[in-house]
Amino acid sequence: MTAKKLRPFHESIVQRINEADANQLKEIASLLETTLVPKNHTQIIIAWMTRCVSLRFDRSLTLKIGHIVLEQGHKQAEQSPSP
């Protein structure tokens, strides 16, 4: 069996969001609520919002998770040294 190349969480989560059904989105939401996302915040938010809209997912949870990831992105930017 060929081993799959491992990717960082912040890259693989975008693919999982894009492939998720409504039940899987609930699990991903739970994961995003409790996980520190180091990078790729904008792409995660775009994937999350796009998928949630296409599935007519719970609006409150859609916005809540989008806000959580956005806040993490802001905090990461504040902590990053300026060039």
Protein backbone atom coordinates (compact mmCIF):
# COMPACT_ATOMS: atom_id res chain seq x y z
CA MET A 1 0.00 0.00 0.00
CA THR A 2 1.28 3.45 -0.90
CA ALA A 3 1.50 5.90 1.97
CA LYS A 4 -0.37 9.16 1.54
CA LYS A 5 1.63 12.33 1.84
CA LEU A 6 0.69 14.04 5.08
CA ARG A 7 -0.34 17.67 4.90
CA PRO A 8 -0.65 20.24 7.66
CA PHE A 9 -4.07 20.58 9.31
CA HIS A 10 -4.62 24.07 7.94
CA GLU A 11 -4.30 22.73 4.39
CA SER A 12 -6.19 19.45 4.68
CA ILE A 13 -9.17 20.96 6.53
CA VAL A 14 -10.09 23.03 3.48
CA GLN A 15 -10.46 19.89 1.38
CA ARG A 16 -12.49 18.17 4.11
CA ILE A 17 -14.83 21.17 4.36
CA ASN A 18 -15.35 21.20 0.59
CA GLU A 19 -16.28 17.49 0.61
CA ALA A 20 -18.41 17.50 3.77
CA ASP A 21 -22.11 16.84 4.10
CA ALA A 22 -24.19 18.58 6.78
CA ASN A 23 -23.42 16.00 9.49
CA GLN A 24 -19.71 16.15 8.72
CA LEU A 25 -19.83 19.95 8.88
CA LYS A 26 -21.12 19.67 12.45
CA GLU A 27 -18.08 17.56 13.33
CA ILE A 28 -15.74 19.97 11.56
CA ALA A 29 -17.36 22.86 13.45
CA SER A 30 -16.66 21.12 16.73
CA LEU A 31 -13.07 20.54 15.69
CA LEU A 32 -12.56 24.16 14.60
CA GLU A 33 -14.01 25.41 17.90
CA THR A 34 -11.38 23.51 19.87
CA THR A 35 -8.34 23.62 17.60
CA LEU A 36 -5.69 26.29 17.21
CA VAL A 37 -5.43 26.90 13.48
CA PRO A 38 -1.90 28.15 12.72
CA LYS A 39 -2.32 29.36 9.13
CA ASN A 40 -4.60 29.56 6.10
CA HIS A 41 -7.41 31.30 7.99
CA THR A 42 -8.80 33.12 4.97
CA GLN A 43 -8.97 29.98 2.83
CA ILE A 44 -10.62 28.07 5.67
CA ILE A 45 -13.24 30.80 6.12
CA ILE A 46 -13.95 30.93 2.37
CA ALA A 47 -14.33 27.15 2.18
CA TRP A 48 -16.45 27.06 5.34
CA MET A 49 -18.84 29.84 4.31
CA THR A 50 -19.15 28.57 0.73
CA ARG A 51 -19.93 25.01 1.79
CA CYS A 52 -22.35 26.07 4.50
CA VAL A 53 -24.28 28.29 2.09
CA SER A 54 -24.42 25.55 -0.55
CA LEU A 55 -25.83 23.08 1.99
CA ARG A 56 -28.09 25.68 3.65
CA PHE A 57 -26.35 24.85 6.89
CA ASP A 58 -27.33 26.35 10.25
CA ARG A 59 -26.72 30.09 9.86
CA SER A 60 -25.87 30.70 13.51
CA LEU A 61 -23.22 27.97 13.57
CA THR A 62 -21.90 29.04 10.16
CA LEU A 63 -21.26 32.57 11.42
CA LYS A 64 -19.95 31.42 14.78
CA ILE A 65 -17.26 29.21 13.24
CA GLY A 66 -16.37 31.85 10.66
CA HIS A 67 -15.89 34.34 13.49
CA ILE A 68 -13.76 31.92 15.54
CA VAL A 69 -11.39 31.26 12.65
CA LEU A 70 -11.28 34.97 11.76
CA GLU A 71 -10.37 35.88 15.34
CA GLN A 72 -7.60 33.29 15.35
CA GLY A 73 -6.27 34.82 12.14
CA HIS A 74 -6.27 38.29 13.70
CA LYS A 75 -4.48 37.03 16.81
CA GLN A 76 -1.86 35.23 14.70
CA ALA A 77 -1.28 38.40 12.68
CA GLU A 78 -0.85 40.49 15.82
CA GLN A 79 1.69 38.03 17.23
CA SER A 80 3.70 37.73 13.99
CA PRO A 81 6.77 39.94 13.77
CA SER A 82 6.54 42.68 11.16
CA PRO A 83 9.07 42.58 8.29
